[in-house]
Amino acid sequence: MMRPNNSMHLTALRAAVETPNVRYNEDHIMTQVLVILICLAAVITVFFSVLWGWVILAVPSTFLLITLLGVKQKKWQYIPELSETANLMLQKFGHYYAMPFAGRDFSASASILMFAGAAIAIVSAFKGFWWGIGIGAINWFLMGFIARAFNPTHFLVDPLEQMGHEEIIAWIKERLKSK
């Protein structure tokens, strides 16, 4: 559970607040580079074997899905200083506030997988594998959901969620200043 005086969480949260536009170093983009290489392998493979192209793409997609299911298991402590909306945002996306760099990296990786799946679906259709269009549509929506779940900041369209997010960031900044 997240506790306001927990220095480990505050250290992780500090990165989200103090350096929102920091350039990624090699450690932060490793997952993205790996996903890009796997996607290239899948797109090349689909020209020779449609089924194996989808199998290759399924490996990182499954990894991201399992990782998301794992981080969603944590229940975050209700913080009385925050509004009900902010506490709901913390329950939905607490993993992002605790691990912002991982959330951004995994979200970008899911987006890459989404577009690679679209490319594979197009090649599948040209090769006569019509099921590829359905698989591609499932991949598109699943990876879109995963991308939003890992990094909600780019996908917040509801004004209440935006206010809740800003309130959480302000609360974190206040806690960091008092530390």
Protein backbone atom coordinates (compact mmCIF):
# COMPACT_ATOMS: atom_id res chain seq x y z
CA MET A 1 0.00 0.00 0.00
CA MET A 2 1.13 3.51 -0.71
CA ARG A 3 1.96 5.48 2.39
CA PRO A 4 2.61 9.21 2.29
CA ASN A 5 5.90 8.89 4.20
CA ASN A 6 7.24 5.90 2.27
CA SER A 7 10.57 7.12 0.87
CA MET A 8 10.76 4.36 -1.76
CA HIS A 9 7.48 5.45 -3.35
CA LEU A 10 8.38 9.11 -3.04
CA THR A 11 11.70 8.48 -4.78
CA ALA A 12 9.94 6.70 -7.64
CA LEU A 13 7.23 9.35 -7.80
CA ARG A 14 9.83 12.14 -7.82
CA ALA A 15 10.87 11.06 -11.31
CA ALA A 16 7.31 11.52 -12.60
CA VAL A 17 7.00 14.99 -11.12
CA GLU A 18 10.43 16.56 -11.45
CA THR A 19 11.45 15.22 -14.85
CA PRO A 20 8.35 14.75 -17.02
CA ASN A 21 10.18 15.60 -20.25
CA VAL A 22 13.52 13.96 -19.48
CA ARG A 23 15.32 12.35 -22.39
CA TYR A 24 15.41 8.59 -22.15
CA ASN A 25 18.75 6.95 -21.65
CA GLU A 26 19.65 3.45 -22.78
CA ASP A 27 17.99 1.77 -19.78
CA HIS A 28 14.65 3.39 -20.42
CA ILE A 29 14.37 2.49 -24.09
CA MET A 30 15.57 -1.10 -23.91
CA THR A 31 12.05 -2.52 -24.05
CA GLN A 32 11.16 -0.32 -27.00
CA VAL A 33 14.27 -1.32 -28.94
CA LEU A 34 13.58 -4.99 -28.26
CA VAL A 35 9.95 -4.61 -29.35
CA ILE A 36 10.99 -2.80 -32.55
CA LEU A 37 13.40 -5.62 -33.41
CA ILE A 38 10.75 -8.25 -32.72
CA CYS A 39 8.22 -6.33 -34.82
CA LEU A 40 10.69 -6.11 -37.71
CA ALA A 41 11.26 -9.86 -37.46
CA ALA A 42 7.50 -10.46 -37.44
CA VAL A 43 6.88 -8.21 -40.45
CA ILE A 44 9.67 -9.88 -42.43
CA THR A 45 8.51 -13.35 -41.38
CA VAL A 46 4.91 -12.71 -42.44
CA PHE A 47 6.05 -12.53 -46.08
CA PHE A 48 7.20 -16.16 -45.80
CA SER A 49 4.77 -17.56 -43.23
CA VAL A 50 1.71 -15.63 -42.08
CA LEU A 51 1.14 -17.82 -39.05
CA TRP A 52 4.70 -17.44 -37.77
CA GLY A 53 4.53 -13.68 -38.24
CA TRP A 54 1.57 -13.55 -35.86
CA VAL A 55 3.24 -15.96 -33.42
CA ILE A 56 6.33 -13.74 -33.23
CA LEU A 57 4.17 -10.66 -32.60
CA ALA A 58 2.19 -12.52 -29.91
CA VAL A 59 5.26 -12.99 -27.68
CA PRO A 60 5.84 -9.33 -26.65
CA SER A 61 2.08 -8.68 -26.67
CA THR A 62 1.58 -11.47 -24.16
CA PHE A 63 4.48 -10.19 -22.06
CA LEU A 64 2.91 -6.72 -21.86
CA LEU A 65 -0.52 -8.16 -21.04
CA ILE A 66 0.86 -10.34 -18.23
CA THR A 67 2.90 -7.43 -16.87
CA LEU A 68 -0.17 -5.19 -16.87
CA LEU A 69 -2.23 -7.83 -15.07
CA GLY A 70 0.53 -8.14 -12.49
CA VAL A 71 0.87 -4.43 -11.73
CA LYS A 72 -2.91 -4.00 -11.58
CA GLN A 73 -3.05 -6.43 -8.63
CA LYS A 74 -1.69 -3.83 -6.22
CA LYS A 75 -4.33 -1.95 -4.25
CA TRP A 76 -3.36 1.59 -3.34
CA GLN A 77 -4.15 3.10 0.02
CA TYR A 78 -6.93 5.68 0.15
CA ILE A 79 -5.38 9.11 0.73
CA PRO A 80 -7.75 11.38 2.67
CA GLU A 81 -6.03 14.56 1.42
CA LEU A 82 -7.03 13.71 -2.16
CA SER A 83 -10.48 14.04 -3.67
CA GLU A 84 -12.58 11.02 -4.56
CA THR A 85 -11.69 11.47 -8.24
CA ALA A 86 -7.95 11.59 -7.51
CA ASN A 87 -8.21 8.48 -5.32
CA LEU A 88 -10.03 6.68 -8.14
CA MET A 89 -7.26 7.70 -10.54
CA LEU A 90 -4.69 6.42 -8.04
CA GLN A 91 -6.54 3.08 -7.85
CA LYS A 92 -6.71 2.79 -11.65
CA PHE A 93 -3.21 4.04 -12.49
CA GLY A 94 -1.20 3.83 -9.27
CA HIS A 95 1.44 1.74 -11.01
CA TYR A 96 2.09 4.68 -13.36
CA TYR A 97 2.64 7.11 -10.49
CA ALA A 98 5.03 4.64 -8.82
CA MET A 99 6.94 3.67 -12.01
CA PRO A 100 6.48 6.44 -14.58
CA PHE A 101 9.44 5.53 -16.79
CA ALA A 102 8.39 1.89 -17.04
CA GLY A 103 4.82 2.98 -17.77
CA ARG A 104 5.94 5.27 -20.58
CA ASP A 105 8.25 2.62 -22.03
CA PHE A 106 5.64 -0.14 -21.96
CA SER A 107 2.97 2.19 -23.36
CA ALA A 108 5.20 3.11 -26.29
CA SER A 109 5.99 -0.57 -26.83
CA ALA A 110 2.27 -1.40 -26.95
CA SER A 111 1.77 1.36 -29.52
CA ILE A 112 4.58 -0.07 -31.66
CA LEU A 113 2.99 -3.52 -31.46
CA MET A 114 -0.35 -2.02 -32.45
CA PHE A 115 1.03 -0.60 -35.70
CA ALA A 116 3.12 -3.69 -36.45
CA GLY A 117 -0.04 -5.78 -36.10
CA ALA A 118 -1.79 -3.53 -38.60
CA ALA A 119 1.06 -4.04 -41.08
CA ILE A 120 0.96 -7.79 -40.57
CA ALA A 121 -2.82 -7.79 -41.05
CA ILE A 122 -2.46 -6.01 -44.39
CA VAL A 123 0.20 -8.44 -45.60
CA SER A 124 -1.93 -11.34 -44.33
CA ALA A 125 -4.90 -10.12 -46.36
CA PHE A 126 -2.78 -9.83 -49.52
CA LYS A 127 -1.53 -13.37 -48.96
CA GLY A 128 -5.12 -14.65 -48.66
CA PHE A 129 -5.12 -15.20 -44.89
CA TRP A 130 -8.35 -13.35 -44.15
CA TRP A 131 -8.30 -14.29 -40.49
CA GLY A 132 -5.35 -11.91 -40.23
CA ILE A 133 -7.72 -8.95 -40.47
CA GLY A 134 -9.65 -10.17 -37.43
CA ILE A 135 -6.47 -10.94 -35.53
CA GLY A 136 -5.15 -7.51 -36.46
CA ALA A 137 -8.32 -5.82 -35.19
CA ILE A 138 -8.10 -7.68 -31.88
CA ASN A 139 -4.42 -6.77 -31.62
CA TRP A 140 -5.19 -3.10 -32.42
CA PHE A 141 -7.77 -2.73 -29.65
CA LEU A 142 -5.90 -4.83 -27.10
CA MET A 143 -2.63 -2.96 -27.56
CA GLY A 144 -4.51 0.37 -27.47
CA PHE A 145 -6.03 -0.63 -24.14
CA ILE A 146 -2.63 -1.71 -22.81
CA ALA A 147 -0.96 1.52 -24.01
CA ARG A 148 -3.54 3.62 -22.15
CA ALA A 149 -3.36 1.47 -19.04
CA PHE A 150 0.43 1.82 -18.76
CA ASN A 151 0.56 5.58 -19.39
CA PRO A 152 -2.75 7.37 -18.96
CA THR A 153 -1.32 10.88 -19.29
CA HIS A 154 -1.47 10.92 -23.09
CA PHE A 155 -4.99 9.51 -23.20
CA LEU A 156 -6.86 11.51 -20.55
CA VAL A 157 -9.83 13.12 -22.30
CA ASP A 158 -12.23 13.26 -19.37
CA PRO A 159 -11.83 16.61 -17.55
CA LEU A 160 -12.45 14.93 -14.19
CA GLU A 161 -9.63 12.45 -14.81
CA GLN A 162 -7.33 15.28 -15.89
CA MET A 163 -8.12 17.17 -12.69
CA GLY A 164 -7.54 14.01 -10.65
CA HIS A 165 -4.19 13.46 -12.33
CA GLU A 166 -3.12 17.06 -11.69
CA GLU A 167 -4.23 16.77 -8.07
CA ILE A 168 -2.12 13.63 -7.58
CA ILE A 169 0.93 15.32 -9.12
CA ALA A 170 0.40 18.39 -6.88
CA TRP A 171 0.07 16.11 -3.84
CA ILE A 172 3.30 14.31 -4.76
CA LYS A 173 5.15 17.61 -5.23
CA GLU A 174 3.92 18.80 -1.84
CA ARG A 175 5.12 15.60 -0.17
CA LEU A 176 8.50 15.87 -1.85
CA LYS A 177 8.96 19.49 -0.75
CA SER A 178 8.17 18.63 2.86
CA LYS A 179 10.67 15.77 2.84
